[in-house]
N, C-alpha and C. Protein backbone atom coordinates (compact mmCIF):
# COMPACT_ATOMS: atom_id res chain seq x y z
N MET A 1 14.03 -7.12 31.13
CA MET A 1 15.38 -7.00 31.63
C MET A 1 16.18 -8.26 31.34
N ILE A 2 15.52 -9.42 31.45
CA ILE A 2 16.20 -10.67 31.16
C ILE A 2 16.57 -10.72 29.69
N ARG A 3 15.65 -10.27 28.82
CA ARG A 3 15.93 -10.28 27.38
C ARG A 3 17.11 -9.37 27.06
N LEU A 4 17.19 -8.23 27.72
CA LEU A 4 18.30 -7.32 27.52
C LEU A 4 19.60 -7.98 27.93
N SER A 5 19.61 -8.66 29.06
CA SER A 5 20.82 -9.34 29.53
C SER A 5 21.24 -10.44 28.58
N LEU A 6 20.27 -11.23 28.12
CA LEU A 6 20.59 -12.31 27.18
C LEU A 6 21.11 -11.76 25.86
N THR A 7 20.51 -10.69 25.38
CA THR A 7 20.97 -10.10 24.13
C THR A 7 22.38 -9.54 24.27
N MET A 8 22.65 -8.89 25.39
CA MET A 8 24.00 -8.36 25.61
C MET A 8 25.02 -9.49 25.68
N LEU A 9 24.66 -10.60 26.34
CA LEU A 9 25.54 -11.75 26.42
C LEU A 9 25.78 -12.33 25.03
N GLY A 10 24.72 -12.45 24.24
CA GLY A 10 24.85 -12.95 22.86
C GLY A 10 25.70 -12.04 22.00
N THR A 11 25.54 -10.75 22.15
CA THR A 11 26.34 -9.78 21.40
C THR A 11 27.81 -9.90 21.77
N ALA A 12 28.08 -10.05 23.05
CA ALA A 12 29.47 -10.21 23.50
C ALA A 12 30.08 -11.48 22.91
N ALA A 13 29.30 -12.57 22.88
CA ALA A 13 29.78 -13.82 22.31
C ALA A 13 30.08 -13.66 20.82
N LEU A 14 29.20 -12.96 20.09
CA LEU A 14 29.46 -12.72 18.66
C LEU A 14 30.72 -11.89 18.45
N CYS A 15 30.90 -10.88 19.27
CA CYS A 15 32.10 -10.04 19.15
C CYS A 15 33.36 -10.87 19.37
N LEU A 16 33.34 -11.74 20.37
CA LEU A 16 34.49 -12.60 20.62
C LEU A 16 34.73 -13.55 19.45
N GLN A 17 33.65 -14.12 18.91
CA GLN A 17 33.78 -15.05 17.79
C GLN A 17 34.35 -14.33 16.57
N LEU A 18 33.85 -13.14 16.28
CA LEU A 18 34.36 -12.40 15.12
C LEU A 18 35.79 -11.94 15.34
N GLY A 19 36.15 -11.66 16.59
CA GLY A 19 37.51 -11.24 16.89
C GLY A 19 38.51 -12.34 16.66
N MET A 20 38.09 -13.60 16.79
CA MET A 20 39.00 -14.73 16.59
C MET A 20 39.06 -15.17 15.14
N ALA A 21 38.07 -14.81 14.33
CA ALA A 21 38.04 -15.25 12.94
C ALA A 21 39.03 -14.44 12.11
N PRO A 22 39.74 -15.11 11.16
CA PRO A 22 40.66 -14.36 10.30
C PRO A 22 39.89 -13.45 9.35
N ALA A 23 40.48 -12.33 9.01
CA ALA A 23 39.84 -11.37 8.10
C ALA A 23 39.84 -11.92 6.69
N LYS A 24 38.76 -11.68 5.96
CA LYS A 24 38.63 -12.11 4.57
C LYS A 24 38.22 -10.92 3.72
N ALA A 25 38.60 -10.96 2.47
CA ALA A 25 38.22 -9.88 1.56
C ALA A 25 36.74 -9.96 1.22
N GLU A 26 36.21 -11.19 1.06
CA GLU A 26 34.81 -11.36 0.72
C GLU A 26 34.12 -12.14 1.83
N MET A 27 32.91 -11.74 2.13
CA MET A 27 32.16 -12.39 3.20
C MET A 27 30.86 -12.95 2.64
N SER A 28 30.41 -14.08 3.18
CA SER A 28 29.12 -14.64 2.79
C SER A 28 28.02 -13.82 3.46
N HIS A 29 26.80 -14.08 3.03
CA HIS A 29 25.67 -13.35 3.63
C HIS A 29 25.58 -13.61 5.13
N ASP A 30 25.75 -14.87 5.53
CA ASP A 30 25.69 -15.22 6.96
C ASP A 30 26.77 -14.51 7.75
N GLU A 31 27.97 -14.39 7.18
CA GLU A 31 29.05 -13.68 7.87
C GLU A 31 28.74 -12.19 7.98
N LYS A 32 28.12 -11.64 6.93
CA LYS A 32 27.72 -10.23 6.97
C LYS A 32 26.69 -9.99 8.07
N VAL A 33 25.73 -10.91 8.18
CA VAL A 33 24.69 -10.78 9.20
C VAL A 33 25.31 -10.85 10.59
N ALA A 34 26.22 -11.82 10.77
CA ALA A 34 26.87 -11.96 12.08
C ALA A 34 27.70 -10.72 12.41
N ALA A 35 28.41 -10.19 11.41
CA ALA A 35 29.21 -8.98 11.62
C ALA A 35 28.32 -7.79 11.95
N ALA A 36 27.21 -7.68 11.23
CA ALA A 36 26.29 -6.57 11.49
C ALA A 36 25.72 -6.67 12.90
N ALA A 37 25.35 -7.87 13.31
CA ALA A 37 24.80 -8.06 14.66
C ALA A 37 25.83 -7.69 15.71
N ALA A 38 27.08 -8.09 15.48
CA ALA A 38 28.13 -7.78 16.45
C ALA A 38 28.44 -6.29 16.49
N LEU A 39 28.53 -5.67 15.32
CA LEU A 39 28.86 -4.25 15.27
C LEU A 39 27.73 -3.39 15.83
N LEU A 40 26.51 -3.80 15.53
CA LEU A 40 25.39 -3.02 16.02
C LEU A 40 25.14 -3.27 17.50
N GLY A 41 25.44 -4.48 17.95
CA GLY A 41 25.37 -4.84 19.36
C GLY A 41 24.18 -4.27 20.09
N ILE A 42 24.45 -3.48 21.06
CA ILE A 42 23.39 -2.91 21.90
C ILE A 42 22.51 -1.97 21.09
N ALA A 43 23.09 -1.30 20.11
CA ALA A 43 22.29 -0.40 19.27
C ALA A 43 21.18 -1.18 18.57
N THR A 44 21.47 -2.40 18.15
CA THR A 44 20.44 -3.23 17.54
C THR A 44 19.35 -3.55 18.54
N LEU A 45 19.76 -3.87 19.75
CA LEU A 45 18.79 -4.18 20.79
C LEU A 45 17.88 -3.00 21.08
N LEU A 46 18.48 -1.84 21.13
CA LEU A 46 17.73 -0.64 21.48
C LEU A 46 17.17 0.08 20.27
N HIS A 47 17.19 -0.57 19.10
CA HIS A 47 16.72 0.05 17.87
C HIS A 47 15.31 0.58 18.03
N ASN A 48 15.02 1.64 17.34
CA ASN A 48 13.74 2.29 17.43
C ASN A 48 12.62 1.32 17.05
N LYS A 49 11.78 0.96 18.00
CA LYS A 49 10.72 -0.01 17.78
C LYS A 49 9.68 0.48 16.78
N HIS A 50 9.70 1.74 16.46
CA HIS A 50 8.72 2.28 15.52
C HIS A 50 8.94 1.76 14.10
N HIS A 51 10.09 1.15 13.84
CA HIS A 51 10.35 0.61 12.51
C HIS A 51 9.72 -0.76 12.33
N TYR A 52 9.38 -1.43 13.43
CA TYR A 52 8.72 -2.73 13.34
C TYR A 52 7.22 -2.49 13.24
N LYS A 53 6.52 -3.30 12.43
CA LYS A 53 5.08 -3.10 12.29
C LYS A 53 4.34 -4.42 12.34
N ASP A 54 3.04 -4.34 12.57
CA ASP A 54 2.14 -5.48 12.56
C ASP A 54 2.60 -6.61 13.46
N GLY A 55 3.13 -6.29 14.63
CA GLY A 55 3.53 -7.30 15.59
C GLY A 55 4.85 -7.97 15.29
N TYR A 56 5.52 -7.60 14.19
CA TYR A 56 6.81 -8.20 13.86
C TYR A 56 7.88 -7.72 14.83
N SER A 57 8.73 -8.63 15.24
CA SER A 57 9.88 -8.30 16.06
C SER A 57 10.93 -9.38 15.82
N PRO A 58 12.20 -9.02 15.59
CA PRO A 58 13.23 -10.04 15.36
C PRO A 58 13.33 -10.98 16.55
N ALA A 59 13.49 -12.28 16.27
CA ALA A 59 13.52 -13.30 17.31
C ALA A 59 14.85 -13.35 18.05
N ALA A 60 15.95 -13.02 17.38
CA ALA A 60 17.28 -13.12 18.00
C ALA A 60 18.18 -12.05 17.40
N ALA A 61 19.37 -11.93 17.95
CA ALA A 61 20.31 -10.90 17.50
C ALA A 61 20.66 -11.06 16.03
N GLU A 62 20.83 -12.29 15.56
CA GLU A 62 21.17 -12.47 14.15
C GLU A 62 20.01 -12.06 13.24
N HIS A 63 18.78 -12.28 13.71
CA HIS A 63 17.61 -11.84 12.94
C HIS A 63 17.54 -10.31 12.94
N ALA A 64 17.84 -9.71 14.07
CA ALA A 64 17.86 -8.25 14.16
C ALA A 64 18.95 -7.68 13.25
N GLY A 65 20.08 -8.35 13.18
CA GLY A 65 21.16 -7.92 12.29
C GLY A 65 20.73 -7.99 10.84
N ASP A 66 20.03 -9.05 10.48
CA ASP A 66 19.52 -9.20 9.12
C ASP A 66 18.52 -8.09 8.82
N PHE A 67 17.60 -7.82 9.77
CA PHE A 67 16.63 -6.74 9.62
C PHE A 67 17.36 -5.41 9.41
N GLU A 68 18.35 -5.12 10.26
CA GLU A 68 19.08 -3.85 10.21
C GLU A 68 19.82 -3.68 8.88
N THR A 69 20.49 -4.74 8.43
CA THR A 69 21.24 -4.67 7.17
C THR A 69 20.30 -4.31 6.03
N CYS A 70 19.18 -5.00 5.94
CA CYS A 70 18.24 -4.75 4.85
C CYS A 70 17.45 -3.46 5.05
N TYR A 71 17.22 -3.06 6.31
CA TYR A 71 16.58 -1.76 6.59
C TYR A 71 17.43 -0.65 5.99
N ARG A 72 18.72 -0.71 6.21
CA ARG A 72 19.61 0.32 5.69
C ARG A 72 19.67 0.29 4.16
N ASP A 73 19.60 -0.91 3.57
CA ASP A 73 19.54 -1.01 2.10
C ASP A 73 18.30 -0.30 1.57
N GLY A 74 17.14 -0.57 2.19
CA GLY A 74 15.90 0.08 1.76
C GLY A 74 15.93 1.57 1.99
N LEU A 75 16.50 1.99 3.13
CA LEU A 75 16.59 3.40 3.48
C LEU A 75 17.44 4.18 2.47
N HIS A 76 18.47 3.53 1.95
CA HIS A 76 19.37 4.21 1.02
C HIS A 76 19.05 3.92 -0.45
N GLY A 77 17.93 3.23 -0.71
CA GLY A 77 17.45 3.04 -2.07
C GLY A 77 18.10 1.90 -2.83
N TYR A 78 18.77 0.99 -2.13
CA TYR A 78 19.37 -0.16 -2.81
C TYR A 78 18.28 -1.18 -3.13
N ALA A 79 18.53 -1.99 -4.13
CA ALA A 79 17.57 -3.01 -4.55
C ALA A 79 17.45 -4.10 -3.50
N TYR A 80 16.28 -4.70 -3.41
CA TYR A 80 16.04 -5.81 -2.49
C TYR A 80 16.64 -7.07 -3.10
N THR A 81 17.53 -7.74 -2.35
CA THR A 81 18.22 -8.90 -2.91
C THR A 81 18.14 -10.16 -2.06
N GLU A 82 17.70 -10.06 -0.83
CA GLU A 82 17.69 -11.22 0.07
C GLU A 82 16.30 -11.85 0.12
N SER A 83 16.19 -13.00 0.80
CA SER A 83 14.91 -13.69 0.80
C SER A 83 14.40 -14.07 2.19
N THR A 84 15.04 -13.67 3.25
CA THR A 84 14.55 -14.02 4.58
C THR A 84 13.43 -13.07 5.00
N ARG A 85 12.58 -13.52 5.92
CA ARG A 85 11.49 -12.66 6.39
C ARG A 85 12.04 -11.43 7.09
N ASP A 86 13.09 -11.62 7.89
CA ASP A 86 13.68 -10.49 8.61
C ASP A 86 14.19 -9.44 7.63
N CYS A 87 14.83 -9.91 6.57
CA CYS A 87 15.36 -8.98 5.57
C CYS A 87 14.22 -8.28 4.83
N ALA A 88 13.19 -9.03 4.49
CA ALA A 88 12.04 -8.43 3.78
C ALA A 88 11.38 -7.37 4.64
N GLU A 89 11.18 -7.67 5.93
CA GLU A 89 10.59 -6.70 6.85
C GLU A 89 11.48 -5.46 6.97
N GLY A 90 12.79 -5.68 7.07
CA GLY A 90 13.73 -4.57 7.19
C GLY A 90 13.75 -3.70 5.96
N TRP A 91 13.81 -4.33 4.78
CA TRP A 91 13.87 -3.56 3.54
C TRP A 91 12.59 -2.75 3.35
N GLN A 92 11.44 -3.37 3.62
CA GLN A 92 10.17 -2.65 3.47
C GLN A 92 10.10 -1.46 4.42
N ALA A 93 10.53 -1.66 5.65
CA ALA A 93 10.51 -0.56 6.63
C ALA A 93 11.47 0.55 6.21
N GLY A 94 12.66 0.19 5.75
CA GLY A 94 13.63 1.19 5.31
C GLY A 94 13.15 1.94 4.08
N ASN A 95 12.57 1.23 3.14
CA ASN A 95 12.06 1.86 1.93
C ASN A 95 10.90 2.80 2.25
N ALA A 96 10.01 2.39 3.15
CA ALA A 96 8.89 3.25 3.56
C ALA A 96 9.41 4.51 4.25
N GLU A 97 10.42 4.36 5.08
CA GLU A 97 11.01 5.51 5.77
C GLU A 97 11.64 6.47 4.75
N ARG A 98 12.28 5.92 3.73
CA ARG A 98 12.90 6.73 2.67
C ARG A 98 11.83 7.52 1.92
N GLU A 99 10.73 6.87 1.60
CA GLU A 99 9.65 7.55 0.89
C GLU A 99 9.06 8.67 1.72
N LYS A 100 8.91 8.44 3.03
CA LYS A 100 8.39 9.49 3.90
C LYS A 100 9.35 10.66 3.99
N ALA A 101 10.64 10.35 4.03
CA ALA A 101 11.63 11.42 4.12
C ALA A 101 11.65 12.26 2.85
N ARG A 102 11.27 11.67 1.73
CA ARG A 102 11.26 12.40 0.45
C ARG A 102 9.91 13.04 0.15
N ALA A 103 8.90 12.78 0.95
CA ALA A 103 7.54 13.25 0.67
C ALA A 103 7.46 14.77 0.58
N HIS A 104 8.23 15.47 1.39
CA HIS A 104 8.15 16.94 1.38
C HIS A 104 8.60 17.51 0.04
N ARG A 105 9.42 16.79 -0.69
CA ARG A 105 9.87 17.27 -2.01
C ARG A 105 8.77 17.17 -3.06
N GLN A 106 7.80 16.27 -2.83
CA GLN A 106 6.72 16.08 -3.79
C GLN A 106 5.57 17.05 -3.55
N ASN A 107 5.47 17.63 -2.37
CA ASN A 107 4.41 18.59 -2.04
C ASN A 107 4.87 19.99 -2.45
N THR A 108 4.53 20.38 -3.66
CA THR A 108 5.05 21.64 -4.18
C THR A 108 4.03 22.77 -4.23
N SER A 109 2.73 22.47 -4.04
CA SER A 109 1.76 23.56 -4.13
C SER A 109 1.89 24.47 -2.91
N ALA A 110 1.59 25.74 -3.11
CA ALA A 110 1.76 26.73 -2.04
C ALA A 110 0.87 26.39 -0.84
N GLU A 111 -0.31 25.81 -1.07
CA GLU A 111 -1.22 25.50 0.01
C GLU A 111 -0.65 24.42 0.94
N GLN A 112 0.20 23.55 0.41
CA GLN A 112 0.74 22.45 1.21
C GLN A 112 2.01 22.84 1.95
N LYS A 113 2.44 24.06 1.83
CA LYS A 113 3.65 24.48 2.54
C LYS A 113 3.25 25.25 3.79
N ALA A 114 3.29 24.55 4.89
CA ALA A 114 2.91 25.16 6.17
C ALA A 114 4.03 26.08 6.64
N PRO A 115 3.70 27.08 7.44
CA PRO A 115 4.71 27.99 7.98
C PRO A 115 5.72 27.21 8.85
N PRO A 116 6.97 27.61 8.83
CA PRO A 116 8.01 26.89 9.58
C PRO A 116 7.70 26.72 11.07
N MET A 117 7.08 27.71 11.70
CA MET A 117 6.76 27.59 13.13
C MET A 117 5.72 26.50 13.38
N ALA A 118 4.75 26.36 12.48
CA ALA A 118 3.73 25.32 12.62
C ALA A 118 4.36 23.94 12.43
N VAL A 119 5.23 23.82 11.43
CA VAL A 119 5.92 22.55 11.18
C VAL A 119 6.80 22.18 12.37
N LYS A 120 7.54 23.14 12.88
CA LYS A 120 8.42 22.89 14.02
C LYS A 120 7.62 22.47 15.25
N GLY A 121 6.51 23.14 15.50
CA GLY A 121 5.66 22.78 16.65
C GLY A 121 5.11 21.37 16.55
N CYS A 122 4.68 20.98 15.35
CA CYS A 122 4.15 19.63 15.14
C CYS A 122 5.28 18.60 15.29
N ALA A 123 6.45 18.90 14.73
CA ALA A 123 7.59 17.98 14.84
C ALA A 123 8.00 17.80 16.30
N ASN A 124 8.00 18.88 17.07
CA ASN A 124 8.33 18.78 18.50
C ASN A 124 7.31 17.93 19.25
N LEU A 125 6.02 18.12 18.94
CA LEU A 125 4.97 17.34 19.59
C LEU A 125 5.14 15.86 19.26
N MET A 126 5.37 15.55 18.00
CA MET A 126 5.55 14.16 17.56
C MET A 126 6.77 13.54 18.23
N ALA A 127 7.87 14.28 18.27
CA ALA A 127 9.10 13.77 18.88
C ALA A 127 8.89 13.50 20.37
N THR A 128 8.19 14.38 21.05
CA THR A 128 7.91 14.19 22.48
C THR A 128 7.03 12.98 22.71
N ASN A 129 5.97 12.84 21.91
CA ASN A 129 5.03 11.73 22.09
C ASN A 129 5.65 10.37 21.83
N PHE A 130 6.62 10.29 20.90
CA PHE A 130 7.21 9.01 20.55
C PHE A 130 8.64 8.85 21.04
N ALA A 131 9.08 9.76 21.90
CA ALA A 131 10.41 9.68 22.54
C ALA A 131 11.53 9.51 21.52
N VAL A 132 11.53 10.37 20.50
CA VAL A 132 12.59 10.38 19.49
C VAL A 132 13.04 11.83 19.30
N GLY A 133 14.13 12.02 18.59
CA GLY A 133 14.57 13.36 18.25
C GLY A 133 13.76 13.90 17.08
N THR A 134 13.73 15.20 16.92
CA THR A 134 12.96 15.79 15.81
C THR A 134 13.52 15.38 14.45
N HIS A 135 14.79 14.94 14.40
CA HIS A 135 15.37 14.49 13.14
C HIS A 135 14.70 13.21 12.63
N ALA A 136 14.03 12.46 13.51
CA ALA A 136 13.35 11.22 13.12
C ALA A 136 11.90 11.46 12.70
N VAL A 137 11.42 12.69 12.80
CA VAL A 137 10.04 13.04 12.44
C VAL A 137 10.01 13.49 10.98
N HIS A 138 9.06 12.93 10.23
CA HIS A 138 8.90 13.31 8.82
C HIS A 138 7.55 13.97 8.64
N ILE A 139 7.55 15.14 8.02
CA ILE A 139 6.31 15.84 7.70
C ILE A 139 5.83 15.30 6.36
N ILE A 140 4.64 14.72 6.35
CA ILE A 140 4.12 14.05 5.16
C ILE A 140 3.24 14.99 4.33
N LYS A 141 2.25 15.60 4.96
CA LYS A 141 1.31 16.47 4.24
C LYS A 141 0.96 17.65 5.13
N ALA A 142 0.51 18.70 4.48
CA ALA A 142 0.01 19.86 5.22
C ALA A 142 -1.06 20.54 4.39
N ARG A 143 -2.07 21.05 5.08
CA ARG A 143 -3.12 21.81 4.41
C ARG A 143 -3.67 22.84 5.38
N SER A 144 -4.26 23.87 4.81
CA SER A 144 -4.79 24.95 5.63
C SER A 144 -6.31 25.00 5.48
N PRO A 145 -7.06 24.45 6.46
CA PRO A 145 -8.51 24.47 6.36
C PRO A 145 -9.11 25.85 6.65
N ARG A 146 -8.41 26.66 7.46
CA ARG A 146 -8.86 28.01 7.80
C ARG A 146 -7.65 28.93 7.84
N LYS A 147 -7.93 30.20 7.79
CA LYS A 147 -6.86 31.20 7.82
C LYS A 147 -6.08 31.07 9.13
N HIS A 148 -4.76 31.05 9.03
CA HIS A 148 -3.83 30.97 10.16
C HIS A 148 -3.92 29.65 10.92
N GLU A 149 -4.46 28.61 10.29
CA GLU A 149 -4.58 27.31 10.93
C GLU A 149 -4.13 26.24 9.94
N TRP A 150 -3.38 25.26 10.43
CA TRP A 150 -2.82 24.22 9.57
C TRP A 150 -3.06 22.85 10.14
N GLU A 151 -3.38 21.90 9.28
CA GLU A 151 -3.40 20.48 9.62
C GLU A 151 -2.14 19.89 9.02
N ILE A 152 -1.32 19.28 9.86
CA ILE A 152 -0.03 18.75 9.41
C ILE A 152 0.05 17.28 9.79
N GLU A 153 0.31 16.42 8.82
CA GLU A 153 0.51 15.00 9.08
C GLU A 153 2.00 14.74 9.23
N ALA A 154 2.37 14.12 10.34
CA ALA A 154 3.77 13.79 10.61
C ALA A 154 3.86 12.30 10.92
N SER A 155 5.06 11.73 10.71
CA SER A 155 5.24 10.31 11.02
C SER A 155 6.60 10.06 11.66
N VAL A 156 6.62 8.99 12.44
CA VAL A 156 7.84 8.41 12.99
C VAL A 156 7.70 6.93 12.72
N GLY A 157 8.54 6.39 11.85
CA GLY A 157 8.40 4.98 11.48
C GLY A 157 7.04 4.75 10.87
N HIS A 158 6.26 3.84 11.45
CA HIS A 158 4.92 3.54 10.95
C HIS A 158 3.82 4.25 11.72
N GLU A 159 4.19 5.10 12.64
CA GLU A 159 3.23 5.83 13.45
C GLU A 159 2.95 7.20 12.81
N HIS A 160 1.68 7.59 12.77
CA HIS A 160 1.29 8.87 12.17
C HIS A 160 0.49 9.70 13.18
N LEU A 161 0.63 11.00 13.07
CA LEU A 161 -0.07 11.94 13.93
C LEU A 161 -0.48 13.13 13.07
N VAL A 162 -1.70 13.63 13.29
CA VAL A 162 -2.17 14.84 12.61
C VAL A 162 -2.25 15.94 13.66
N CYS A 163 -1.47 16.99 13.44
CA CYS A 163 -1.46 18.14 14.34
C CYS A 163 -2.29 19.25 13.71
N VAL A 164 -3.11 19.89 14.51
CA VAL A 164 -3.79 21.11 14.07
C VAL A 164 -3.05 22.24 14.77
N MET A 165 -2.43 23.11 13.96
CA MET A 165 -1.51 24.12 14.47
C MET A 165 -1.91 25.52 14.02
N ARG A 166 -1.54 26.50 14.80
CA ARG A 166 -1.64 27.90 14.37
C ARG A 166 -0.34 28.24 13.63
N ASP A 167 -0.39 29.30 12.86
CA ASP A 167 0.82 29.77 12.14
C ASP A 167 1.99 29.98 13.09
N THR A 168 1.70 30.35 14.31
CA THR A 168 2.72 30.69 15.30
C THR A 168 3.39 29.48 15.92
N GLY A 169 2.87 28.27 15.64
CA GLY A 169 3.43 27.06 16.23
C GLY A 169 2.66 26.55 17.42
N GLU A 170 1.58 27.23 17.80
CA GLU A 170 0.74 26.80 18.92
C GLU A 170 -0.07 25.58 18.51
N VAL A 171 -0.10 24.57 19.37
CA VAL A 171 -0.87 23.36 19.10
C VAL A 171 -2.33 23.61 19.47
N ILE A 172 -3.23 23.37 18.51
CA ILE A 172 -4.67 23.47 18.77
C ILE A 172 -5.17 22.10 19.21
N SER A 173 -4.81 21.07 18.45
CA SER A 173 -5.19 19.70 18.82
C SER A 173 -4.28 18.73 18.07
N ALA A 174 -4.36 17.45 18.46
CA ALA A 174 -3.59 16.40 17.80
C ALA A 174 -4.36 15.09 17.93
N ARG A 175 -4.22 14.25 16.90
CA ARG A 175 -4.86 12.93 16.91
C ARG A 175 -3.99 11.98 16.12
N GLY A 176 -4.08 10.72 16.46
CA GLY A 176 -3.37 9.71 15.70
C GLY A 176 -4.05 9.50 14.37
N GLY A 177 -3.31 9.08 13.36
CA GLY A 177 -3.88 8.79 12.05
C GLY A 177 -3.27 9.64 10.95
N ARG A 178 -3.97 9.64 9.82
CA ARG A 178 -3.49 10.34 8.62
C ARG A 178 -4.48 11.39 8.18
N LEU A 179 -4.00 12.31 7.36
CA LEU A 179 -4.89 13.32 6.76
C LEU A 179 -5.73 12.68 5.68
């Protein structure tokens, strides 16, 4: 709670500072980071923690802004151009999320196409377990080990879950990990 209060206070200070600065056509990297931190404000603070991995967490609002800026670059397929750790972590996380979002386009064999009800059931389970919307769940792989039964790998950020589903969308079992 204290961290939330301090971050909100820091965000308010950045907003005031940016409000007093004259507008420029071109901004330096540091100004872009400060602007991103101010604009993202509380959203940066409350950013989905599933995008951070291996114990990494931005140390301050400006670091979170740097992470967010580069995360969005990676997510949208832009080239990596910065050199800070926060930016590198953000770009890698965004790029990984982009690859997961595109994974379903690469699975073209008929066996890997699970029935829509099974996919929806797994996505709902994943969204519930990780407290996100189903739009944040990515279906990575699917296979059918038995008739009317599907194993579906889903992810949210760096977290993975394997759902064993019936064609009808009924959950048989679920476990963390990958197929």
